[in-house]
Amino acid sequence: MTESPCLCHTKLVEIQGIIAEELHDCKEKFWNHKISSIEKERDLLLLRNNQLRCQLAELQSKVAADPFISRRCQELSGENHGLVPSELEALETSKLHRQLLIYADHNKELEERLSQEQTVSMSWKYKFNDLERKIGKHVDELLDLTKDQKCIGDVEYNKHKTKHYCDVAKEALQLLKLAKARIDGDKHRLDSYVKRVSELENYLSQIRLGTVSPQEVIGSIL
């Protein structure tokens, strides 16, 4: 008569199945979905940054070539009445050029920070895979070691629970909590970046339409 597996063996098989199922469910339904959303927002923001750089270049060209904009800059520069028109025009164009460079630097910084956020976020995916591999390896080893051994009975099981698995379960839960917190933080930062780029685009549109002066825009940003 074949002996039925001991309680240790049965519990190890059960734990292995639960861990594999939970990690797979987390990766497929939670992690991959969040990563996909972050990547879409990042790609959209990078596209808007590229469009904004083109608008900056176009605006800079118009400022340099349009006499009306040059005269408008002269009218708005009350603190520079002592300068001759040619000097005043050069000064205002230079100021606007510097501000446009600041906008470009802001966009570059956003792109770099988004890239860093994606790198950090993707590292969590590798940690999940590594955790799953390590747990599976240890469970397989324990199953192999206990399959032919006479282990404790059902009544004594609660007094001999393996501390190792309690620690592993705690570690897995902690990693899941940290991953969720990290993803929520990434989402918040991405929303802030999208909002900031939208504000910069709005400032540029107002300057191009002539509804506000470059000095007013610079003052509201600073």
N, C-alpha and C. Protein backbone atom coordinates (compact mmCIF):
# COMPACT_ATOMS: atom_id res chain seq x y z
N MET A 1 0.85 -1.20 0.00
CA MET A 1 0.00 0.00 0.00
C MET A 1 0.89 1.26 0.00
N THR A 2 0.63 2.10 -0.97
CA THR A 2 1.44 3.30 -1.10
C THR A 2 1.07 4.32 -0.03
N GLU A 3 2.11 4.84 0.63
CA GLU A 3 1.89 5.84 1.68
C GLU A 3 1.53 7.18 1.05
N SER A 4 0.55 7.84 1.62
CA SER A 4 0.17 9.16 1.12
C SER A 4 1.22 10.19 1.55
N PRO A 5 1.39 11.25 0.76
CA PRO A 5 2.39 12.27 1.11
C PRO A 5 2.12 12.86 2.49
N CYS A 6 3.17 13.20 3.19
CA CYS A 6 3.00 13.80 4.51
C CYS A 6 2.45 15.22 4.38
N LEU A 7 2.06 15.76 5.50
CA LEU A 7 1.47 17.10 5.51
C LEU A 7 2.46 18.15 5.02
N CYS A 8 3.75 17.99 5.36
CA CYS A 8 4.77 18.96 4.90
C CYS A 8 4.79 19.02 3.37
N HIS A 9 4.82 17.83 2.75
CA HIS A 9 4.88 17.76 1.29
C HIS A 9 3.65 18.42 0.68
N THR A 10 2.49 18.11 1.23
CA THR A 10 1.25 18.68 0.71
C THR A 10 1.23 20.20 0.85
N LYS A 11 1.66 20.68 2.01
CA LYS A 11 1.66 22.12 2.24
C LYS A 11 2.66 22.82 1.33
N LEU A 12 3.81 22.20 1.09
CA LEU A 12 4.80 22.82 0.21
C LEU A 12 4.26 22.94 -1.21
N VAL A 13 3.60 21.90 -1.68
CA VAL A 13 3.00 21.95 -3.02
C VAL A 13 1.94 23.05 -3.08
N GLU A 14 1.15 23.15 -2.02
CA GLU A 14 0.11 24.18 -1.97
C GLU A 14 0.72 25.58 -1.97
N ILE A 15 1.77 25.78 -1.16
CA ILE A 15 2.43 27.09 -1.09
C ILE A 15 3.03 27.45 -2.44
N GLN A 16 3.69 26.49 -3.08
CA GLN A 16 4.29 26.76 -4.39
C GLN A 16 3.24 27.20 -5.40
N GLY A 17 2.10 26.52 -5.40
CA GLY A 17 1.03 26.88 -6.33
C GLY A 17 0.46 28.27 -6.06
N ILE A 18 0.26 28.59 -4.78
CA ILE A 18 -0.29 29.90 -4.42
C ILE A 18 0.67 31.02 -4.81
N ILE A 19 1.96 30.83 -4.49
CA ILE A 19 2.96 31.87 -4.80
C ILE A 19 3.04 32.10 -6.31
N ALA A 20 3.10 31.00 -7.07
CA ALA A 20 3.20 31.14 -8.53
C ALA A 20 1.96 31.84 -9.09
N GLU A 21 0.79 31.49 -8.57
CA GLU A 21 -0.45 32.10 -9.06
C GLU A 21 -0.54 33.58 -8.71
N GLU A 22 -0.17 33.92 -7.46
CA GLU A 22 -0.26 35.31 -7.02
C GLU A 22 0.72 36.20 -7.77
N LEU A 23 1.96 35.74 -7.93
CA LEU A 23 2.95 36.55 -8.64
C LEU A 23 2.57 36.72 -10.11
N HIS A 24 2.07 35.65 -10.71
CA HIS A 24 1.66 35.74 -12.11
C HIS A 24 0.50 36.71 -12.26
N ASP A 25 -0.47 36.62 -11.34
CA ASP A 25 -1.62 37.51 -11.39
C ASP A 25 -1.20 38.96 -11.21
N CYS A 26 -0.24 39.18 -10.31
CA CYS A 26 0.25 40.54 -10.06
C CYS A 26 0.93 41.10 -11.30
N LYS A 27 1.76 40.30 -11.93
CA LYS A 27 2.50 40.77 -13.10
C LYS A 27 1.57 41.04 -14.28
N GLU A 28 0.64 40.12 -14.52
CA GLU A 28 -0.20 40.22 -15.71
C GLU A 28 -1.29 41.28 -15.57
N LYS A 29 -1.98 41.27 -14.43
CA LYS A 29 -3.15 42.14 -14.28
C LYS A 29 -2.84 43.49 -13.66
N PHE A 30 -1.75 43.56 -12.93
CA PHE A 30 -1.43 44.81 -12.22
C PHE A 30 -0.18 45.45 -12.78
N TRP A 31 0.92 44.73 -12.75
CA TRP A 31 2.21 45.31 -13.12
C TRP A 31 2.28 45.68 -14.59
N ASN A 32 2.00 44.70 -15.48
CA ASN A 32 2.11 44.97 -16.91
C ASN A 32 1.16 46.08 -17.35
N HIS A 33 -0.04 46.11 -16.76
CA HIS A 33 -1.00 47.17 -17.11
C HIS A 33 -0.47 48.54 -16.70
N LYS A 34 0.10 48.63 -15.48
CA LYS A 34 0.63 49.91 -15.01
C LYS A 34 1.81 50.36 -15.86
N ILE A 35 2.71 49.43 -16.17
CA ILE A 35 3.88 49.77 -16.98
C ILE A 35 3.44 50.26 -18.36
N SER A 36 2.45 49.59 -18.94
CA SER A 36 1.95 50.00 -20.26
C SER A 36 1.38 51.41 -20.21
N SER A 37 0.65 51.73 -19.15
CA SER A 37 0.08 53.08 -19.01
C SER A 37 1.17 54.13 -18.88
N ILE A 38 2.21 53.82 -18.08
CA ILE A 38 3.31 54.75 -17.89
C ILE A 38 4.04 54.99 -19.21
N GLU A 39 4.27 53.92 -19.98
CA GLU A 39 4.98 54.06 -21.25
C GLU A 39 4.18 54.90 -22.24
N LYS A 40 2.86 54.73 -22.26
CA LYS A 40 2.03 55.53 -23.16
C LYS A 40 2.09 57.01 -22.80
N GLU A 41 2.01 57.30 -21.50
CA GLU A 41 2.09 58.70 -21.06
C GLU A 41 3.46 59.29 -21.36
N ARG A 42 4.49 58.48 -21.18
CA ARG A 42 5.85 58.96 -21.47
C ARG A 42 5.99 59.28 -22.96
N ASP A 43 5.51 58.37 -23.83
CA ASP A 43 5.62 58.59 -25.27
C ASP A 43 4.84 59.83 -25.69
N LEU A 44 3.66 60.03 -25.10
CA LEU A 44 2.86 61.21 -25.43
C LEU A 44 3.57 62.48 -25.01
N LEU A 45 4.17 62.45 -23.83
CA LEU A 45 4.87 63.64 -23.34
C LEU A 45 6.12 63.94 -24.17
N LEU A 46 6.84 62.91 -24.59
CA LEU A 46 8.00 63.12 -25.44
C LEU A 46 7.59 63.73 -26.78
N LEU A 47 6.45 63.27 -27.32
CA LEU A 47 5.96 63.83 -28.58
C LEU A 47 5.60 65.30 -28.41
N ARG A 48 4.95 65.63 -27.30
CA ARG A 48 4.58 67.02 -27.07
C ARG A 48 5.81 67.88 -26.83
N ASN A 49 6.83 67.31 -26.22
CA ASN A 49 8.08 68.05 -26.04
C ASN A 49 8.72 68.38 -27.39
N ASN A 50 8.71 67.41 -28.30
CA ASN A 50 9.27 67.65 -29.64
C ASN A 50 8.49 68.73 -30.37
N GLN A 51 7.16 68.68 -30.25
CA GLN A 51 6.34 69.71 -30.88
C GLN A 51 6.63 71.09 -30.28
N LEU A 52 6.83 71.11 -28.98
CA LEU A 52 7.11 72.38 -28.30
C LEU A 52 8.45 72.95 -28.75
N ARG A 53 9.43 72.10 -28.95
CA ARG A 53 10.73 72.59 -29.43
C ARG A 53 10.59 73.21 -30.82
N CYS A 54 9.77 72.58 -31.67
CA CYS A 54 9.54 73.14 -33.00
C CYS A 54 8.86 74.51 -32.91
N GLN A 55 7.90 74.63 -32.00
CA GLN A 55 7.23 75.91 -31.81
C GLN A 55 8.19 76.97 -31.28
N LEU A 56 9.08 76.57 -30.40
CA LEU A 56 10.08 77.50 -29.88
C LEU A 56 10.98 78.02 -30.99
N ALA A 57 11.42 77.11 -31.85
CA ALA A 57 12.29 77.51 -32.95
C ALA A 57 11.56 78.45 -33.91
N GLU A 58 10.28 78.13 -34.17
CA GLU A 58 9.48 78.97 -35.06
C GLU A 58 9.27 80.36 -34.46
N LEU A 59 8.99 80.41 -33.17
CA LEU A 59 8.78 81.69 -32.50
C LEU A 59 10.05 82.52 -32.49
N GLN A 60 11.16 81.88 -32.24
CA GLN A 60 12.44 82.58 -32.23
C GLN A 60 12.73 83.20 -33.60
N SER A 61 12.42 82.43 -34.65
CA SER A 61 12.64 82.93 -36.01
C SER A 61 11.74 84.13 -36.31
N LYS A 62 10.49 84.06 -35.86
CA LYS A 62 9.56 85.16 -36.12
C LYS A 62 9.97 86.42 -35.36
N VAL A 63 10.43 86.25 -34.13
CA VAL A 63 10.87 87.40 -33.35
C VAL A 63 12.04 88.10 -34.03
N ALA A 64 12.95 87.31 -34.58
CA ALA A 64 14.13 87.88 -35.22
C ALA A 64 13.80 88.56 -36.55
N ALA A 65 12.72 88.09 -37.22
CA ALA A 65 12.45 88.59 -38.57
C ALA A 65 11.29 89.59 -38.65
N ASP A 66 10.45 89.65 -37.64
CA ASP A 66 9.24 90.48 -37.71
C ASP A 66 9.47 91.84 -37.04
N PRO A 67 9.44 92.95 -37.80
CA PRO A 67 9.64 94.28 -37.21
C PRO A 67 8.56 94.64 -36.19
N PHE A 68 7.34 94.16 -36.41
CA PHE A 68 6.25 94.49 -35.49
C PHE A 68 6.54 93.95 -34.09
N ILE A 69 7.00 92.69 -34.02
CA ILE A 69 7.31 92.10 -32.71
C ILE A 69 8.47 92.86 -32.07
N SER A 70 9.44 93.26 -32.88
CA SER A 70 10.56 94.03 -32.33
C SER A 70 10.08 95.35 -31.75
N ARG A 71 9.20 96.04 -32.47
CA ARG A 71 8.67 97.30 -31.96
C ARG A 71 7.84 97.07 -30.70
N ARG A 72 7.10 95.97 -30.69
CA ARG A 72 6.29 95.63 -29.51
C ARG A 72 7.19 95.43 -28.29
N CYS A 73 8.31 94.79 -28.49
CA CYS A 73 9.25 94.60 -27.38
C CYS A 73 9.79 95.94 -26.89
N GLN A 74 10.03 96.85 -27.84
CA GLN A 74 10.54 98.17 -27.46
C GLN A 74 9.51 98.93 -26.61
N GLU A 75 8.24 98.85 -27.00
CA GLU A 75 7.19 99.56 -26.27
C GLU A 75 7.04 99.05 -24.85
N LEU A 76 7.29 97.74 -24.64
CA LEU A 76 7.09 97.13 -23.33
C LEU A 76 8.30 97.24 -22.42
N SER A 77 9.36 97.83 -22.91
CA SER A 77 10.60 97.91 -22.12
C SER A 77 10.81 99.32 -21.61
N GLY A 78 10.00 99.76 -20.65
CA GLY A 78 10.08 101.12 -20.13
C GLY A 78 11.36 101.41 -19.40
N GLU A 79 12.00 100.36 -18.89
CA GLU A 79 13.22 100.60 -18.11
C GLU A 79 14.43 100.85 -19.00
N ASN A 80 14.28 100.75 -20.32
CA ASN A 80 15.43 100.89 -21.21
C ASN A 80 15.26 102.06 -22.18
N HIS A 81 14.62 103.16 -21.73
CA HIS A 81 14.37 104.28 -22.64
C HIS A 81 15.65 104.94 -23.12
N GLY A 82 16.75 104.75 -22.40
CA GLY A 82 17.99 105.42 -22.78
C GLY A 82 18.68 104.80 -23.97
N LEU A 83 18.24 103.63 -24.41
CA LEU A 83 18.90 102.94 -25.51
C LEU A 83 18.32 103.39 -26.84
N VAL A 84 19.15 103.35 -27.86
CA VAL A 84 18.68 103.66 -29.21
C VAL A 84 17.89 102.46 -29.71
N PRO A 85 17.00 102.66 -30.72
CA PRO A 85 16.13 101.57 -31.17
C PRO A 85 16.86 100.29 -31.54
N SER A 86 17.97 100.41 -32.25
CA SER A 86 18.68 99.19 -32.67
C SER A 86 19.21 98.42 -31.47
N GLU A 87 19.72 99.14 -30.46
CA GLU A 87 20.22 98.48 -29.25
C GLU A 87 19.08 97.86 -28.45
N LEU A 88 17.95 98.60 -28.40
CA LEU A 88 16.80 98.10 -27.65
C LEU A 88 16.25 96.83 -28.29
N GLU A 89 16.18 96.83 -29.61
CA GLU A 89 15.68 95.65 -30.32
C GLU A 89 16.58 94.45 -30.06
N ALA A 90 17.88 94.68 -30.11
CA ALA A 90 18.82 93.59 -29.87
C ALA A 90 18.70 93.07 -28.44
N LEU A 91 18.48 93.99 -27.48
CA LEU A 91 18.37 93.60 -26.08
C LEU A 91 17.13 92.75 -25.84
N GLU A 92 15.99 93.20 -26.38
CA GLU A 92 14.74 92.46 -26.15
C GLU A 92 14.77 91.10 -26.85
N THR A 93 15.33 91.07 -28.05
CA THR A 93 15.45 89.79 -28.75
C THR A 93 16.34 88.84 -27.97
N SER A 94 17.40 89.37 -27.39
CA SER A 94 18.30 88.54 -26.58
C SER A 94 17.60 88.00 -25.35
N LYS A 95 16.78 88.84 -24.70
CA LYS A 95 16.03 88.38 -23.52
C LYS A 95 15.08 87.25 -23.88
N LEU A 96 14.35 87.44 -24.98
CA LEU A 96 13.40 86.42 -25.40
C LEU A 96 14.13 85.14 -25.78
N HIS A 97 15.28 85.32 -26.44
CA HIS A 97 16.06 84.14 -26.83
C HIS A 97 16.50 83.36 -25.59
N ARG A 98 16.94 84.08 -24.55
CA ARG A 98 17.35 83.39 -23.32
C ARG A 98 16.18 82.65 -22.68
N GLN A 99 14.99 83.28 -22.72
CA GLN A 99 13.83 82.61 -22.13
C GLN A 99 13.45 81.37 -22.92
N LEU A 100 13.58 81.46 -24.24
CA LEU A 100 13.29 80.29 -25.07
C LEU A 100 14.26 79.16 -24.76
N LEU A 101 15.51 79.51 -24.51
CA LEU A 101 16.49 78.48 -24.13
C LEU A 101 16.12 77.85 -22.79
N ILE A 102 15.58 78.66 -21.88
CA ILE A 102 15.13 78.11 -20.59
C ILE A 102 14.01 77.10 -20.80
N TYR A 103 13.06 77.45 -21.70
CA TYR A 103 11.98 76.51 -22.01
C TYR A 103 12.56 75.19 -22.55
N ALA A 104 13.52 75.32 -23.46
CA ALA A 104 14.12 74.12 -24.04
C ALA A 104 14.81 73.28 -22.97
N ASP A 105 15.49 73.95 -22.04
CA ASP A 105 16.15 73.22 -20.94
C ASP A 105 15.13 72.50 -20.06
N HIS A 106 13.99 73.15 -19.83
CA HIS A 106 12.93 72.51 -19.04
C HIS A 106 12.46 71.23 -19.72
N ASN A 107 12.29 71.30 -21.03
CA ASN A 107 11.83 70.12 -21.76
C ASN A 107 12.87 69.00 -21.72
N LYS A 108 14.14 69.39 -21.84
CA LYS A 108 15.20 68.38 -21.77
C LYS A 108 15.22 67.71 -20.41
N GLU A 109 15.05 68.51 -19.37
CA GLU A 109 15.03 67.95 -18.01
C GLU A 109 13.85 66.99 -17.83
N LEU A 110 12.69 67.35 -18.38
CA LEU A 110 11.53 66.47 -18.29
C LEU A 110 11.80 65.14 -18.97
N GLU A 111 12.41 65.18 -20.14
CA GLU A 111 12.71 63.95 -20.86
C GLU A 111 13.67 63.07 -20.07
N GLU A 112 14.69 63.68 -19.48
CA GLU A 112 15.66 62.91 -18.70
C GLU A 112 15.01 62.29 -17.47
N ARG A 113 14.17 63.04 -16.79
CA ARG A 113 13.52 62.53 -15.59
C ARG A 113 12.54 61.42 -15.93
N LEU A 114 11.84 61.56 -17.05
CA LEU A 114 10.93 60.50 -17.48
C LEU A 114 11.69 59.22 -17.79
N SER A 115 12.84 59.37 -18.43
CA SER A 115 13.67 58.20 -18.74
C SER A 115 14.14 57.52 -17.47
N GLN A 116 14.53 58.31 -16.48
CA GLN A 116 14.97 57.74 -15.20
C GLN A 116 13.82 57.03 -14.49
N GLU A 117 12.64 57.63 -14.54
CA GLU A 117 11.49 57.01 -13.88
C GLU A 117 11.15 55.68 -14.53
N GLN A 118 11.26 55.60 -15.86
CA GLN A 118 10.96 54.34 -16.53
C GLN A 118 11.99 53.28 -16.16
N THR A 119 13.26 53.69 -16.07
CA THR A 119 14.31 52.74 -15.70
C THR A 119 14.07 52.17 -14.31
N VAL A 120 13.74 53.05 -13.36
CA VAL A 120 13.48 52.59 -11.99
C VAL A 120 12.24 51.70 -11.94
N SER A 121 11.20 52.08 -12.68
CA SER A 121 9.98 51.29 -12.69
C SER A 121 10.21 49.90 -13.28
N MET A 122 10.96 49.85 -14.37
CA MET A 122 11.22 48.55 -14.99
C MET A 122 12.06 47.66 -14.10
N SER A 123 12.88 48.25 -13.23
CA SER A 123 13.71 47.43 -12.34
C SER A 123 12.84 46.61 -11.40
N TRP A 124 11.64 47.12 -11.08
CA TRP A 124 10.74 46.36 -10.22
C TRP A 124 10.25 45.10 -10.91
N LYS A 125 10.10 45.16 -12.21
CA LYS A 125 9.66 43.97 -12.95
C LYS A 125 10.71 42.87 -12.82
N TYR A 126 11.99 43.24 -12.92
CA TYR A 126 13.06 42.26 -12.77
C TYR A 126 13.09 41.69 -11.35
N LYS A 127 12.77 42.53 -10.36
CA LYS A 127 12.74 42.04 -8.98
C LYS A 127 11.63 41.01 -8.78
N PHE A 128 10.49 41.24 -9.41
CA PHE A 128 9.42 40.26 -9.33
C PHE A 128 9.85 38.93 -9.94
N ASN A 129 10.44 39.01 -11.12
CA ASN A 129 10.89 37.78 -11.78
C ASN A 129 11.93 37.05 -10.95
N ASP A 130 12.85 37.79 -10.35
CA ASP A 130 13.89 37.19 -9.53
C ASP A 130 13.29 36.55 -8.27
N LEU A 131 12.33 37.23 -7.66
CA LEU A 131 11.67 36.68 -6.47
C LEU A 131 10.94 35.39 -6.81
N GLU A 132 10.24 35.38 -7.93
CA GLU A 132 9.52 34.18 -8.35
C GLU A 132 10.48 33.02 -8.59
N ARG A 133 11.60 33.31 -9.22
CA ARG A 133 12.59 32.26 -9.50
C ARG A 133 13.18 31.69 -8.21
N LYS A 134 13.55 32.59 -7.29
CA LYS A 134 14.15 32.13 -6.03
C LYS A 134 13.18 31.30 -5.20
N ILE A 135 11.94 31.77 -5.11
CA ILE A 135 10.95 31.02 -4.33
C ILE A 135 10.73 29.64 -4.94
N GLY A 136 10.58 29.61 -6.26
CA GLY A 136 10.38 28.32 -6.92
C GLY A 136 11.54 27.37 -6.69
N LYS A 137 12.76 27.90 -6.73
CA LYS A 137 13.95 27.07 -6.53
C LYS A 137 13.97 26.47 -5.12
N HIS A 138 13.71 27.31 -4.11
CA HIS A 138 13.73 26.82 -2.73
C HIS A 138 12.61 25.82 -2.47
N VAL A 139 11.44 26.08 -3.01
CA VAL A 139 10.33 25.15 -2.81
C VAL A 139 10.63 23.81 -3.46
N ASP A 140 11.19 23.83 -4.67
CA ASP A 140 11.54 22.59 -5.35
C ASP A 140 12.56 21.79 -4.54
N GLU A 141 13.55 22.49 -3.97
CA GLU A 141 14.56 21.81 -3.16
C GLU A 141 13.94 21.18 -1.92
N LEU A 142 13.05 21.93 -1.26
CA LEU A 142 12.40 21.39 -0.06
C LEU A 142 11.50 20.21 -0.39
N LEU A 143 10.80 20.29 -1.50
CA LEU A 143 9.97 19.17 -1.92
C LEU A 143 10.82 17.93 -2.17
N ASP A 144 11.96 18.13 -2.80
CA ASP A 144 12.84 17.01 -3.10
C ASP A 144 13.41 16.39 -1.82
N LEU A 145 13.72 17.24 -0.83
CA LEU A 145 14.29 16.76 0.42
C LEU A 145 13.27 16.03 1.29
N THR A 146 12.01 16.41 1.19
CA THR A 146 11.00 15.85 2.10
C THR A 146 10.14 14.76 1.48
N LYS A 147 10.27 14.50 0.20
CA LYS A 147 9.33 13.58 -0.45
C LYS A 147 9.45 12.15 0.08
N ASP A 148 10.65 11.73 0.54
CA ASP A 148 10.83 10.37 1.04
C ASP A 148 11.01 10.32 2.55
N GLN A 149 10.77 11.44 3.23
CA GLN A 149 10.99 11.50 4.66
C GLN A 149 9.68 11.36 5.43
N LYS A 150 9.80 10.80 6.62
CA LYS A 150 8.64 10.73 7.50
C LYS A 150 8.58 12.03 8.28
N CYS A 151 7.55 12.80 8.04
CA CYS A 151 7.46 14.13 8.66
C CYS A 151 6.39 14.16 9.73
N ILE A 152 6.18 15.30 10.28
CA ILE A 152 5.26 15.46 11.39
C ILE A 152 3.83 15.21 10.97
N GLY A 153 2.99 14.88 11.89
CA GLY A 153 1.59 14.62 11.61
C GLY A 153 0.76 15.88 11.60
N ASP A 154 -0.48 15.72 11.24
CA ASP A 154 -1.37 16.87 11.13
C ASP A 154 -1.50 17.62 12.45
N VAL A 155 -1.61 16.89 13.55
CA VAL A 155 -1.85 17.52 14.84
C VAL A 155 -0.68 18.41 15.25
N GLU A 156 0.53 17.97 14.91
CA GLU A 156 1.72 18.70 15.33
C GLU A 156 2.15 19.78 14.33
N TYR A 157 1.45 19.87 13.23
CA TYR A 157 1.92 20.77 12.16
C TYR A 157 2.03 22.22 12.62
N ASN A 158 1.02 22.71 13.31
CA ASN A 158 1.02 24.11 13.72
C ASN A 158 2.18 24.47 14.63
N LYS A 159 2.74 23.47 15.32
CA LYS A 159 3.87 23.74 16.22
C LYS A 159 5.20 23.70 15.48
N HIS A 160 5.17 23.27 14.22
CA HIS A 160 6.43 23.12 13.48
C HIS A 160 6.39 23.84 12.13
N LYS A 161 5.65 24.91 12.05
CA LYS A 161 5.61 25.67 10.79
C LYS A 161 7.00 26.17 10.45
N THR A 162 7.32 26.13 9.20
CA THR A 162 8.66 26.55 8.78
C THR A 162 8.78 28.06 8.82
N LYS A 163 9.72 28.56 9.62
CA LYS A 163 9.93 30.01 9.74
C LYS A 163 10.37 30.59 8.40
N HIS A 164 11.08 29.77 7.63
CA HIS A 164 11.57 30.24 6.33
C HIS A 164 10.41 30.73 5.47
N TYR A 165 9.31 29.99 5.45
CA TYR A 165 8.19 30.37 4.58
C TYR A 165 7.44 31.57 5.12
N CYS A 166 7.44 31.72 6.44
CA CYS A 166 6.85 32.95 7.00
C CYS A 166 7.65 34.17 6.55
N ASP A 167 8.99 34.03 6.57
CA ASP A 167 9.85 35.14 6.14
C ASP A 167 9.67 35.42 4.66
N VAL A 168 9.60 34.36 3.86
CA VAL A 168 9.42 34.53 2.41
C VAL A 168 8.10 35.22 2.11
N ALA A 169 7.05 34.81 2.80
CA ALA A 169 5.74 35.42 2.58
C ALA A 169 5.75 36.90 2.94
N LYS A 170 6.41 37.23 4.05
CA LYS A 170 6.51 38.63 4.46
C LYS A 170 7.30 39.44 3.44
N GLU A 171 8.39 38.86 2.95
CA GLU A 171 9.22 39.57 1.96
C GLU A 171 8.44 39.81 0.68
N ALA A 172 7.70 38.80 0.23
CA ALA A 172 6.91 38.95 -0.99
C ALA A 172 5.85 40.02 -0.83
N LEU A 173 5.17 40.03 0.32
CA LEU A 173 4.14 41.03 0.57
C LEU A 173 4.73 42.43 0.62
N GLN A 174 5.90 42.56 1.25
CA GLN A 174 6.55 43.87 1.34
C GLN A 174 6.95 44.38 -0.04
N LEU A 175 7.47 43.48 -0.88
CA LEU A 175 7.86 43.88 -2.24
C LEU A 175 6.64 44.33 -3.04
N LEU A 176 5.53 43.64 -2.87
CA LEU A 176 4.31 44.03 -3.58
C LEU A 176 3.84 45.41 -3.13
N LYS A 177 3.91 45.67 -1.82
CA LYS A 177 3.51 46.98 -1.31
C LYS A 177 4.43 48.08 -1.83
N LEU A 178 5.75 47.82 -1.83
CA LEU A 178 6.70 48.81 -2.32
C LEU A 178 6.49 49.08 -3.81
N ALA A 179 6.21 48.01 -4.57
CA ALA A 179 5.99 48.18 -6.01
C ALA A 179 4.76 49.04 -6.27
N LYS A 180 3.69 48.80 -5.52
CA LYS A 180 2.47 49.59 -5.70
C LYS A 180 2.72 51.06 -5.36
N ALA A 181 3.44 51.29 -4.25
CA ALA A 181 3.74 52.67 -3.86
C ALA A 181 4.60 53.36 -4.92
N ARG A 182 5.56 52.62 -5.47
CA ARG A 182 6.44 53.18 -6.49
C ARG A 182 5.66 53.54 -7.76
N ILE A 183 4.77 52.67 -8.18
CA ILE A 183 3.99 52.91 -9.39
C ILE A 183 3.05 54.10 -9.19
N ASP A 184 2.43 54.19 -8.01
CA ASP A 184 1.57 55.34 -7.73
C ASP A 184 2.37 56.64 -7.76
N GLY A 185 3.60 56.59 -7.22
CA GLY A 185 4.46 57.78 -7.26
C GLY A 185 4.84 58.17 -8.67
N ASP A 186 5.14 57.15 -9.52
CA ASP A 186 5.47 57.42 -10.92
C ASP A 186 4.30 58.09 -11.62
N LYS A 187 3.09 57.60 -11.35
CA LYS A 187 1.90 58.16 -11.99
C LYS A 187 1.72 59.62 -11.59
N HIS A 188 1.94 59.92 -10.32
CA HIS A 188 1.78 61.30 -9.85
C HIS A 188 2.80 62.22 -10.51
N ARG A 189 4.06 61.77 -10.61
CA ARG A 189 5.09 62.60 -11.24
C ARG A 189 4.80 62.82 -12.72
N LEU A 190 4.35 61.77 -13.42
CA LEU A 190 4.04 61.91 -14.84
C LEU A 190 2.90 62.91 -15.05
N ASP A 191 1.90 62.85 -14.19
CA ASP A 191 0.80 63.81 -14.29
C ASP A 191 1.31 65.25 -14.12
N SER A 192 2.26 65.43 -13.21
CA SER A 192 2.84 66.76 -12.99
C SER A 192 3.60 67.24 -14.22
N TYR A 193 4.35 66.32 -14.86
CA TYR A 193 5.11 66.69 -16.05
C TYR A 193 4.17 67.09 -17.20
N VAL A 194 3.11 66.30 -17.39
CA VAL A 194 2.15 66.61 -18.45
C VAL A 194 1.51 67.98 -18.22
N LYS A 195 1.16 68.27 -16.98
CA LYS A 195 0.56 69.56 -16.64
C LYS A 195 1.53 70.70 -16.93
N ARG A 196 2.82 70.51 -16.58
CA ARG A 196 3.82 71.56 -16.78
C ARG A 196 4.02 71.85 -18.27
N VAL A 197 4.11 70.80 -19.08
CA VAL A 197 4.29 70.99 -20.52
C VAL A 197 3.08 71.69 -21.12
N SER A 198 1.88 71.34 -20.64
CA SER A 198 0.67 72.00 -21.13
C SER A 198 0.69 73.49 -20.81
N GLU A 199 1.20 73.85 -19.63
CA GLU A 199 1.30 75.26 -19.25
C GLU A 199 2.28 75.99 -20.17
N LEU A 200 3.42 75.36 -20.46
CA LEU A 200 4.41 75.99 -21.35
C LEU A 200 3.84 76.19 -22.74
N GLU A 201 3.09 75.21 -23.24
CA GLU A 201 2.48 75.34 -24.56
C GLU A 201 1.47 76.49 -24.57
N ASN A 202 0.74 76.64 -23.48
CA ASN A 202 -0.24 77.72 -23.38
C ASN A 202 0.44 79.08 -23.38
N TYR A 203 1.58 79.19 -22.66
CA TYR A 203 2.34 80.44 -22.66
C TYR A 203 2.80 80.80 -24.07
N LEU A 204 3.31 79.82 -24.79
CA LEU A 204 3.80 80.07 -26.15
C LEU A 204 2.66 80.51 -27.07
N SER A 205 1.50 79.86 -26.93
CA SER A 205 0.35 80.24 -27.75
C SER A 205 -0.06 81.69 -27.48
N GLN A 206 -0.05 82.08 -26.22
CA GLN A 206 -0.41 83.46 -25.88
C GLN A 206 0.58 84.46 -26.46
N ILE A 207 1.87 84.12 -26.43
CA ILE A 207 2.88 85.01 -27.00
C ILE A 207 2.68 85.14 -28.51
N ARG A 208 2.43 84.01 -29.18
CA ARG A 208 2.27 84.02 -30.64
C ARG A 208 1.03 84.80 -31.05
N LEU A 209 -0.03 84.73 -30.24
CA LEU A 209 -1.26 85.46 -30.57
C LEU A 209 -1.18 86.93 -30.17
N GLY A 210 -0.17 87.28 -29.39
CA GLY A 210 -0.01 88.67 -28.97
C GLY A 210 -0.92 89.09 -27.84
N THR A 211 -1.55 88.12 -27.17
CA THR A 211 -2.44 88.47 -26.05
C THR A 211 -1.68 88.85 -24.80
N VAL A 212 -0.45 88.38 -24.69
CA VAL A 212 0.42 88.76 -23.57
C VAL A 212 1.81 89.03 -24.12
N SER A 213 2.58 89.79 -23.37
CA SER A 213 3.95 90.08 -23.79
C SER A 213 4.89 89.02 -23.25
N PRO A 214 6.06 88.87 -23.87
CA PRO A 214 7.05 87.92 -23.33
C PRO A 214 7.42 88.24 -21.89
N GLN A 215 7.48 89.55 -21.55
CA GLN A 215 7.85 89.91 -20.18
C GLN A 215 6.80 89.44 -19.17
N GLU A 216 5.52 89.54 -19.55
CA GLU A 216 4.46 89.08 -18.65
C GLU A 216 4.53 87.58 -18.44
N VAL A 217 4.83 86.85 -19.51
CA VAL A 217 4.95 85.39 -19.40
C VAL A 217 6.12 85.02 -18.52
N ILE A 218 7.25 85.70 -18.75
CA ILE A 218 8.45 85.41 -17.95
C ILE A 218 8.17 85.70 -16.48
N GLY A 219 7.48 86.81 -16.19
CA GLY A 219 7.17 87.15 -14.81
C GLY A 219 6.27 86.12 -14.15
N SER A 220 5.29 85.59 -14.90
CA SER A 220 4.38 84.60 -14.31
C SER A 220 5.07 83.28 -14.05
N ILE A 221 6.07 82.94 -14.87
CA ILE A 221 6.81 81.69 -14.68
C ILE A 221 7.76 81.80 -13.51
N LEU A 222 8.50 82.92 -13.46
CA LEU A 222 9.49 83.11 -12.40
C LEU A 222 8.81 83.43 -11.08
